[in-house]
Amino acid sequence: MTTDLIDRANQRARARRAKYPAALSARYDARSGKIVVSLANGVDLSFPPAIAEGLEGARASQLVEIEVTAAGTGIHFPKLDADLYVPGLIEDAMGSRKWMAARLGAQGGRARTPQKAAASRENGKRGGRPKKPA
């Protein structure tokens, strides 16, 4: 290990901490049935365990014991031997720009309005949606 390598690793860690706040604590809230992660920026992130890989199908008794890594970048469920990456949880909760755009586009495509129905009928009279070139 050289001093230069250590300095670069520390810079990367500082950049990651600036972008993603560390987890300070995590707990299972039996009343809501959700995992609650308290972040260093004051935000509490909660989610149902069923949507997290490794926690789907877990019983409440398996979720009550949660450990936060020293750097606050991960949470560990010892009874399940499952780990979650905190920056990944934050991105999934907030969504990347690409993810959010896809979700919004999908919602718009499902919208049912009289204008959209009329445009669809008119398009159908003309033979429907044009075929995509091969």
Protein backbone atom coordinates (compact mmCIF):
# COMPACT_ATOMS: atom_id res chain seq x y z
CA MET A 1 0.00 0.00 0.00
CA THR A 2 1.35 3.37 -0.94
CA THR A 3 0.32 6.70 0.50
CA ASP A 4 -0.97 7.71 -2.94
CA LEU A 5 -3.34 4.69 -3.07
CA ILE A 6 -4.63 5.46 0.43
CA ASP A 7 -5.20 9.12 -0.47
CA ARG A 8 -7.14 8.16 -3.62
CA ALA A 9 -9.27 5.68 -1.66
CA ASN A 10 -10.04 8.36 0.93
CA GLN A 11 -11.05 10.79 -1.84
CA ARG A 12 -13.43 8.21 -3.30
CA ALA A 13 -14.93 7.59 0.13
CA ARG A 14 -15.46 11.32 0.71
CA ALA A 15 -17.17 11.65 -2.69
CA ARG A 16 -19.44 8.68 -1.92
CA ARG A 17 -20.34 10.12 1.51
CA ALA A 18 -21.19 13.46 -0.10
CA LYS A 19 -23.49 11.80 -2.62
CA TYR A 20 -25.03 9.15 -0.35
CA PRO A 21 -25.54 9.82 3.35
CA ALA A 22 -24.46 7.04 5.70
CA ALA A 23 -26.90 4.93 7.67
CA LEU A 24 -26.79 5.73 11.37
CA SER A 25 -29.26 3.07 12.48
CA ALA A 26 -31.74 0.55 11.15
CA ARG A 27 -34.68 -1.19 12.76
CA TYR A 28 -37.71 -3.27 11.94
CA ASP A 29 -40.99 -1.51 12.75
CA ALA A 30 -43.42 -4.33 13.56
CA ARG A 31 -46.41 -1.98 13.57
CA SER A 32 -45.93 -0.90 9.95
CA GLY A 33 -44.13 -4.08 8.88
CA LYS A 34 -41.29 -2.01 7.37
CA ILE A 35 -37.54 -1.67 7.71
CA VAL A 36 -36.61 1.88 8.78
CA VAL A 37 -33.10 3.17 8.03
CA SER A 38 -32.10 6.50 9.61
CA LEU A 39 -29.60 8.40 7.47
CA ALA A 40 -26.98 10.94 8.53
CA ASN A 41 -28.80 13.73 6.67
CA GLY A 42 -31.88 13.35 8.90
CA VAL A 43 -33.94 11.33 6.42
CA ASP A 44 -35.61 8.10 7.49
CA LEU A 45 -36.00 5.63 4.64
CA SER A 46 -38.60 2.91 5.14
CA PHE A 47 -39.55 0.03 2.90
CA PRO A 48 -41.38 -3.29 3.09
CA PRO A 49 -38.94 -6.19 3.35
CA ALA A 50 -40.73 -8.05 0.55
CA ILE A 51 -39.23 -5.70 -2.05
CA ALA A 52 -35.62 -6.18 -0.92
CA GLU A 53 -33.53 -9.04 -2.28
CA GLY A 54 -32.78 -11.51 0.47
CA LEU A 55 -35.59 -10.30 2.71
CA GLU A 56 -38.57 -11.48 0.70
CA GLY A 57 -40.56 -14.01 2.71
CA ALA A 58 -38.70 -13.19 5.94
CA ARG A 59 -40.55 -13.47 9.24
CA ALA A 60 -40.65 -10.59 11.71
CA SER A 61 -38.48 -12.58 14.13
CA GLN A 62 -35.76 -12.71 11.44
CA LEU A 63 -35.89 -8.95 10.83
CA VAL A 64 -35.61 -7.58 14.37
CA GLU A 65 -31.83 -7.94 14.52
CA ILE A 66 -30.16 -5.50 12.11
CA GLU A 67 -26.53 -4.37 12.08
CA VAL A 68 -25.19 -1.23 10.38
CA THR A 69 -21.67 -1.41 8.96
CA ALA A 70 -19.04 0.87 10.51
CA ALA A 71 -19.00 3.15 7.48
CA GLY A 72 -22.81 3.20 7.30
CA THR A 73 -22.83 1.93 3.73
CA GLY A 74 -24.55 -1.36 4.48
CA ILE A 75 -27.06 -3.06 6.71
CA HIS A 76 -26.83 -6.72 7.67
CA PHE A 77 -29.53 -9.14 8.81
CA PRO A 78 -27.63 -11.84 10.76
CA LYS A 79 -30.57 -14.26 11.05
CA LEU A 80 -30.97 -14.24 7.26
CA ASP A 81 -27.31 -13.74 6.34
CA ALA A 82 -28.54 -10.95 4.05
CA ASP A 83 -26.88 -7.63 3.30
CA LEU A 84 -28.27 -4.48 1.70
CA TYR A 85 -26.17 -1.68 0.24
CA VAL A 86 -27.42 1.68 1.55
CA PRO A 87 -26.55 3.75 -1.57
CA GLY A 88 -28.51 1.18 -3.59
CA LEU A 89 -31.50 1.56 -1.26
CA ILE A 90 -31.36 5.32 -1.66
CA GLU A 91 -31.18 5.09 -5.45
CA ASP A 92 -34.03 2.58 -5.56
CA ALA A 93 -36.17 4.77 -3.31
CA MET A 94 -35.44 7.99 -5.10
CA GLY A 95 -34.75 6.48 -8.49
CA SER A 96 -32.17 7.41 -11.06
CA ARG A 97 -33.19 9.89 -13.75
CA LYS A 98 -33.46 7.08 -16.29
CA TRP A 99 -35.64 5.03 -13.97
CA MET A 100 -37.92 7.97 -13.12
CA ALA A 101 -38.29 8.91 -16.80
CA ALA A 102 -39.25 5.34 -17.68
CA ARG A 103 -41.83 5.25 -14.87
CA LEU A 104 -43.33 8.58 -15.90
CA GLY A 105 -43.46 7.49 -19.54
CA ALA A 106 -45.20 4.26 -18.58
CA GLN A 107 -47.76 6.19 -16.53
CA GLY A 108 -48.46 8.52 -19.45
CA GLY A 109 -48.92 5.57 -21.76
CA ARG A 110 -51.57 4.10 -19.46
CA ALA A 111 -53.50 7.36 -19.12
CA ARG A 112 -57.14 7.18 -20.17
CA THR A 113 -58.52 10.48 -21.41
CA PRO A 114 -61.30 11.29 -23.87
CA GLN A 115 -58.72 13.03 -26.11
CA LYS A 116 -56.49 9.97 -26.17
CA ALA A 117 -59.42 7.65 -26.92
CA ALA A 118 -60.57 9.92 -29.78
CA ALA A 119 -57.04 10.05 -31.23
CA SER A 120 -56.80 6.26 -31.02
CA ARG A 121 -60.12 5.82 -32.85
CA GLU A 122 -59.04 8.28 -35.53
CA ASN A 123 -55.72 6.48 -35.94
CA GLY A 124 -57.58 3.16 -36.20
CA LYS A 125 -59.68 4.52 -39.07
CA ARG A 126 -56.45 5.18 -40.95
CA GLY A 127 -55.17 1.64 -40.50
CA GLY A 128 -53.66 1.87 -37.03
CA ARG A 129 -50.13 2.43 -35.90
CA PRO A 130 -47.62 2.47 -38.77
CA LYS A 131 -45.30 -0.51 -38.98
CA LYS A 132 -41.73 0.08 -37.85
CA PRO A 133 -39.17 -0.20 -40.66
CA ALA A 134 -37.18 -3.44 -40.47
